[in-house]
Protein backbone atom coordinates (compact mmCIF):
# COMPACT_ATOMS: atom_id res chain seq x y z
CA MET A 1 143.07 -46.94 145.34
CA GLU A 2 145.45 -48.54 142.87
CA ASP A 3 148.05 -50.27 144.14
CA ARG A 4 151.48 -48.56 142.49
CA ARG A 5 153.51 -51.43 143.97
CA THR A 6 154.85 -53.91 141.69
CA ALA A 7 154.98 -57.88 142.18
CA ALA A 8 158.73 -59.10 141.48
CA VAL A 9 156.85 -62.89 140.79
CA LEU A 10 153.60 -63.34 138.87
CA LEU A 11 151.90 -66.61 139.78
CA VAL A 12 149.28 -67.02 137.31
CA PHE A 13 146.07 -69.11 138.11
CA GLY A 14 145.17 -71.62 135.07
CA ARG A 15 140.73 -72.10 134.32
CA GLY A 16 141.22 -75.65 132.08
CA VAL A 17 141.62 -76.76 129.29
CA VAL A 18 139.07 -78.29 126.24
CA GLY A 19 140.41 -81.88 124.25
CA ALA A 20 140.33 -80.17 120.49
CA GLY A 21 140.77 -84.41 118.87
CA GLU A 22 144.16 -85.50 120.17
CA HIS A 23 145.62 -82.04 121.24
CA TYR A 24 144.03 -79.38 124.04
CA MET A 25 144.05 -75.84 124.00
CA LEU A 26 143.80 -72.96 126.77
CA THR A 27 140.01 -71.97 127.69
CA PRO A 28 138.99 -68.92 127.00
CA ALA A 29 139.32 -67.89 130.63
CA SER A 30 142.64 -68.85 131.18
CA ALA A 31 144.06 -67.39 127.93
CA ALA A 32 143.00 -64.39 129.09
CA ARG A 33 144.99 -65.07 132.55
CA VAL A 34 148.02 -65.11 130.39
CA GLN A 35 147.18 -61.54 128.75
CA ALA A 36 146.75 -60.29 131.95
CA ALA A 37 150.34 -61.12 133.05
CA ALA A 38 151.47 -59.93 130.15
CA ASP A 39 150.26 -56.85 129.85
CA TYR A 40 150.86 -56.51 133.14
CA ALA A 41 155.14 -57.96 132.87
CA VAL A 42 155.50 -54.85 129.75
CA ALA A 43 154.35 -52.64 132.62
CA HIS A 44 156.03 -52.86 135.32
CA PRO A 45 160.09 -53.63 134.67
CA GLY A 46 159.83 -55.16 138.18
CA VAL A 47 158.31 -58.29 137.56
CA SER A 48 161.83 -60.82 137.09
CA ARG A 49 159.49 -64.17 136.69
CA ILE A 50 155.81 -65.34 135.95
CA VAL A 51 154.91 -68.90 136.84
CA PHE A 52 151.94 -70.22 135.06
CA THR A 53 150.31 -73.44 136.90
CA GLY A 54 147.84 -75.57 136.15
CA GLY A 55 147.51 -79.60 135.27
CA TRP A 56 143.91 -80.36 134.67
CA ALA A 57 141.14 -78.91 137.37
CA GLU A 58 139.02 -81.21 135.01
CA ALA A 59 139.96 -84.27 137.03
CA THR A 60 137.35 -82.47 139.74
CA GLU A 61 134.41 -84.38 137.61
CA GLY A 62 136.65 -87.21 137.06
CA ALA A 63 138.16 -86.08 133.84
CA GLY A 64 141.69 -87.82 132.46
CA GLN A 65 144.74 -85.72 132.69
CA PRO A 66 145.78 -84.47 129.25
CA PRO A 67 149.09 -86.19 128.02
CA ALA A 68 151.92 -84.56 129.46
CA GLY A 69 153.44 -81.59 126.94
CA TRP A 70 149.50 -80.41 127.13
CA ARG A 71 148.32 -79.05 130.26
CA GLU A 72 147.15 -76.16 131.46
CA GLY A 73 150.74 -74.72 132.60
CA ASP A 74 152.45 -75.89 129.16
CA LEU A 75 149.98 -74.54 127.25
CA MET A 76 149.76 -71.46 129.54
CA LEU A 77 154.49 -70.63 129.08
CA ARG A 78 154.19 -71.92 125.23
CA GLU A 79 150.77 -69.29 124.70
CA ALA A 80 153.44 -66.49 126.49
CA ARG A 81 156.40 -67.55 125.02
CA ALA A 82 154.86 -67.37 121.41
CA ALA A 83 153.57 -64.02 122.81
CA GLY A 84 157.49 -62.59 123.56
CA LEU A 85 156.81 -62.39 127.40
CA ASP A 86 159.47 -64.39 127.91
CA ARG A 87 162.15 -60.98 126.82
CA TYR A 88 160.54 -59.42 130.26
CA ALA A 89 160.85 -62.02 132.06
CA ASP A 90 161.93 -65.85 133.32
CA LEU A 91 158.68 -67.75 132.78
CA ARG A 92 158.22 -71.26 134.56
CA ALA A 93 155.16 -73.64 133.87
CA GLU A 94 153.48 -75.99 136.93
CA THR A 95 151.95 -78.64 135.54
CA ARG A 96 151.21 -81.55 138.16
CA SER A 97 147.76 -80.00 140.41
CA ARG A 98 144.26 -80.01 139.56
CA SER A 99 142.70 -77.64 142.30
CA THR A 100 143.70 -74.22 143.58
CA LEU A 101 145.19 -75.68 146.12
CA GLU A 102 147.38 -77.75 144.87
CA ASN A 103 148.53 -75.64 142.59
CA LEU A 104 149.70 -72.69 145.28
CA VAL A 105 151.37 -76.88 147.04
CA HIS A 106 153.00 -78.36 144.04
CA THR A 107 154.49 -74.80 142.73
CA VAL A 108 156.24 -74.82 146.58
CA GLU A 109 157.40 -77.82 146.45
CA ASP A 110 159.12 -77.46 142.57
CA GLY A 111 160.88 -74.96 144.41
CA LEU A 112 159.86 -72.22 141.45
CA LEU A 113 160.03 -69.53 144.53
CA ASP A 114 162.87 -69.65 145.98
CA GLY A 115 165.30 -67.29 145.83
CA TYR A 116 162.15 -65.12 146.86
CA ALA A 117 160.76 -62.69 149.82
CA PHE A 118 157.98 -61.56 149.41
CA ASP A 119 156.54 -58.90 151.78
CA ALA A 120 154.78 -55.06 151.71
CA VAL A 121 157.11 -53.17 149.34
CA HIS A 122 157.37 -56.87 147.18
CA PRO A 123 154.75 -58.68 146.74
CA LEU A 124 153.55 -61.85 145.10
CA GLY A 125 151.13 -60.28 141.41
CA LEU A 126 148.22 -63.81 141.71
CA VAL A 127 146.75 -63.43 138.44
CA SER A 128 142.93 -64.26 138.26
CA HIS A 129 139.74 -63.65 137.57
CA ARG A 130 138.57 -61.37 139.75
CA GLU A 131 135.70 -64.09 141.75
CA HIS A 132 139.08 -66.39 141.83
CA LEU A 133 141.33 -64.08 144.08
CA PRO A 134 139.57 -64.34 147.13
CA ARG A 135 139.64 -67.81 147.32
CA ILE A 136 143.39 -67.62 146.44
CA ARG A 137 144.75 -65.57 149.13
CA LEU A 138 142.86 -67.10 151.98
CA LEU A 139 145.19 -70.42 150.78
CA ALA A 140 147.96 -68.60 149.48
CA ALA A 141 148.13 -67.31 153.35
CA LYS A 142 148.02 -70.58 154.85
CA VAL A 143 150.30 -72.81 151.98
CA LEU A 144 153.26 -69.81 151.43
CA ALA A 145 152.67 -68.34 155.33
CA LEU A 146 151.73 -64.82 154.45
CA PRO A 147 150.14 -61.51 154.85
CA ALA A 148 147.61 -59.95 153.30
CA ARG A 149 150.16 -57.12 152.58
CA ALA A 150 152.36 -59.69 151.46
CA LEU A 151 150.16 -60.50 147.99
CA LEU A 152 149.00 -58.14 144.87
CA ASP A 153 146.31 -59.05 143.01
CA VAL A 154 146.06 -58.70 139.40
CA SER A 155 142.79 -59.21 137.77
CA ALA A 156 142.51 -60.81 133.78
CA THR A 157 139.24 -59.77 132.04
CA GLY A 158 137.16 -61.36 129.39
CA GLY A 159 136.77 -65.69 128.43
CA GLU A 160 135.12 -66.31 132.28
CA THR A 161 131.54 -68.27 131.94
CA PRO A 162 129.24 -67.62 134.56
CA LEU A 163 129.66 -71.21 137.27
CA PRO A 164 127.06 -73.39 138.03
CA TRP A 165 125.03 -73.87 141.62
CA ARG A 166 128.62 -74.33 142.60
CA SER A 167 129.92 -70.89 142.40
CA GLU A 168 133.29 -69.39 143.47
CA ARG A 169 131.55 -67.76 146.48
CA ALA A 170 130.35 -71.91 147.61
CA ALA A 171 133.81 -72.85 147.41
CA ARG A 172 135.85 -70.14 149.42
CA VAL A 173 132.88 -70.73 151.87
CA ILE A 174 133.71 -74.21 152.08
CA ALA A 175 137.19 -73.77 152.24
CA ARG A 176 137.11 -71.41 154.80
CA LEU A 177 135.47 -73.85 157.04
CA GLY A 178 137.44 -76.83 155.58
CA PHE A 179 141.10 -75.59 155.98
CA LEU A 180 139.91 -73.96 159.14
CA GLY A 181 142.62 -75.09 161.91
CA THR A 182 145.25 -75.69 159.74
CA ARG A 183 148.20 -75.20 157.50
CA ASP A 184 150.25 -78.08 157.10
CA PRO A 185 150.49 -78.82 153.35
CA ALA A 186 149.73 -82.71 153.44
CA ALA A 187 147.17 -82.37 156.40
CA LEU A 188 145.45 -79.17 153.64
CA LEU A 189 145.91 -82.28 150.21
CA ARG A 190 143.65 -84.83 152.53
CA ARG A 191 140.75 -82.27 153.78
CA GLU A 192 140.29 -81.19 150.26
CA ARG A 193 140.56 -84.34 148.45
CA ARG A 194 137.73 -85.70 151.26
CA MET A 195 135.17 -82.98 150.16
CA VAL A 196 135.91 -83.62 146.60
CA ALA A 197 134.87 -87.03 146.99
CA SER A 198 131.96 -86.11 149.66
CA LEU A 199 130.96 -83.26 146.85
CA ARG A 200 130.83 -86.09 144.15
CA ARG A 201 128.74 -88.45 146.04
CA ALA A 202 126.09 -85.14 147.24
CA GLU A 203 126.17 -84.50 142.97
CA ARG A 204 125.74 -88.22 142.13
CA LEU A 205 122.93 -88.57 144.71
CA LEU A 206 121.42 -85.25 142.87
CA ARG A 207 121.30 -86.40 139.00
CA ASN A 208 119.98 -90.35 141.03
CA PRO A 209 118.41 -90.34 143.50
CA PRO A 210 116.66 -93.18 145.68
CA LYS A 211 113.78 -94.26 144.78
CA GLU A 212 112.20 -93.94 147.92
CA LEU A 213 113.22 -89.66 147.56
CA ARG A 214 112.01 -90.12 144.63
CA ARG A 215 108.15 -91.42 145.21
CA THR A 216 108.24 -88.88 148.28
CA ARG A 217 109.35 -85.97 145.13
CA ASP A 218 106.50 -87.52 143.17
CA GLY A 219 104.33 -87.64 145.81
CA ARG A 220 103.31 -90.67 146.25
CA GLY A 221 105.14 -91.24 149.78
CA PRO A 222 107.28 -94.15 151.01
CA ALA A 223 107.08 -97.72 149.96
CA GLY A 224 105.39 -99.18 152.44
């Protein structure tokens, strides 16, 4: 059944940037999320603010940060203004984050939700692709201390490509287990950094297994 409530604030989550020479551009998935926010704001006059979040999600793969003005939040904000979305709502951007958790933590730290109270009647709108929204809800409940009824999904369509083995579902399970038992933002960020570091080590081992493991896989048995 369609949710007929209107979100006063939309929180838009980025899906990466692509380097193009000295410049950067949004991935098709990020552009689709900007479009979803625009469509929602035009159809719901009650939206008063839209916050675009994202610094450089590719940092989890070791990529360096784009220069100031070319991060996810910057590029989404620029695209939204070019489309005239500032006629419908106050547009803001958070540009420091490297993950979904950091999107939420830094949005709060930067005061981009100050002055708003979210509840079942006036929910916070979460804009992303359908597969990403359950994990956002999980993290928003911790960082923002909001119940499920105070959150409203705004799904984007198009632009998304299938993820590798480290799928969104796996990421959600890891987040649920890894963040169990804490709501403190600093503690959540420390846990996330440890999890990312462990994941990188595991991926390096999969790409370059130790000689002993390679011998076993080749059927030659351990060295002796």
